[in-house]
Amino acid sequence: MPSFGLLLMKLGRASALLLLLLWVVGCKERSGAAATSAPKDIELLNVSYDPTRELFAEINVAFAKDWKAKTGQNVKINQSHGGSGKQARAVIDGLEADVVTLALAYDIDSIADKGKLILPDWQKRLPANAAPYTSTIAFLVRKGNPKGIHDWADLVKPGVQVITPNPKTSGAARWNYLAAWGYVLKSELGDLALARRPEKSVELAAAEAKARDFVTALFKNVPVLDSGARGATTTFANRKIGDVLINWENEILLAVREMGEGFEMVTPSVSIRAEPAVSVVDKNVDKHHSRAAAEAYLRFLYSDEGQAMGVKHHYRPTAASGAARLASDFPKLQLFTIEEAAGSWRTAQKTHFDDGGVFDQIYEPK
């Protein structure tokens, strides 16, 4: 094949210039095609609740590496944290989350119902009702457990100061409240699975009256309500207020690990199965053209790697693969569900936490 120089010698001046021009244009086209074939970098915003900072700091790095390997695209995940109810309101009011990873399903329902940003079937689109990991509610006490806190009944003793967040703004606080409520129902009724049968209505009403008295007494022992779970931990551990902290099991295990020998975890005899939930924010991912990455990000939470990271940060796994093995080191206790304790999250919110609900009726601000 003749070289480019020989072609120039054999062709006339005009033909040579034309050939040169065509060659340069072809090079530019090939260069442009190569440039446009590289995926454009993308950013996601994960709006989450209080205690997930450490978990997602690790998840985000691992997912970005996995996504880059699979697609060639760089992805950066930004985080926003706060009380779950406040975070849901921020998304409804315009914070353009691509995904939400919130403390309870009701907060995502609110984004779907009030903001019209998430499709109503969101909880059916991922395994385990869109809860990639679970937790429960436990206690943190000071070293030596000077007030002798061992179970829920100890929280209403005179002279015991209890730290818990505000149920109006915090998902953890609503789980705390319903864990205490369910404890009384279970103590009175035995099998919560049978409690909501029509023939049990009289017994259920009597048990709920006792549960109301119990949470009234509990919140009389609460000196301050923080807006979120992490703020409550700071109040108890750093500001040294209170004798016992009620909080997520994962938050308490983290506190014991990070803050040394000044604290002890207490696992009550019975508590609630807490199910933080996740969803893409449909309207926003379609606007941002980020649906593929956002959906893959949430699926990554169910992967073996994502589940192992959850366990590392003290969340109980839900994915079938390896879940029993990964969950074996968690404290053993009886767990009941939100359905058993309160019917559903929508019912619980309306009954207990909406304006004028039971919490407003029983809580007297200090």
Foldseek 3Di string as FASTA:
>chain_A
DDDLVVVCVPDDPVVNVVVVVVVVVVVVVVVVVVVVVQDEEEEFEEEEEAPCPVLVVVLQVVLQVVCCVVPVYGYHYHYHYYAQLVSLVVVLVPPQGQKYFYQAPVSVVCCCPRSVQAPPCFLVPDPPSQFQFWWWKWKKFWFPLVQPDAALVSLLDPPFAEFDADPQQHSFRLQLLLFLLQVQQCVQPVDLVPCPDPVNVVSNVVSNVVSLVSVLSNQVRYQDHHNYQVVSVCCCPVVVDGGMYMGIPLVNVVCPVPVDRGMDIHGHQETAITGTHMGGRRNSCVVRVNVVSSVVSSVSCNDPVNQLSCLVSPTQGDRPVCRCVSRVPDDDHHYDYCCSRQNDPVRSCVADPPVPHSVVVSHDHD
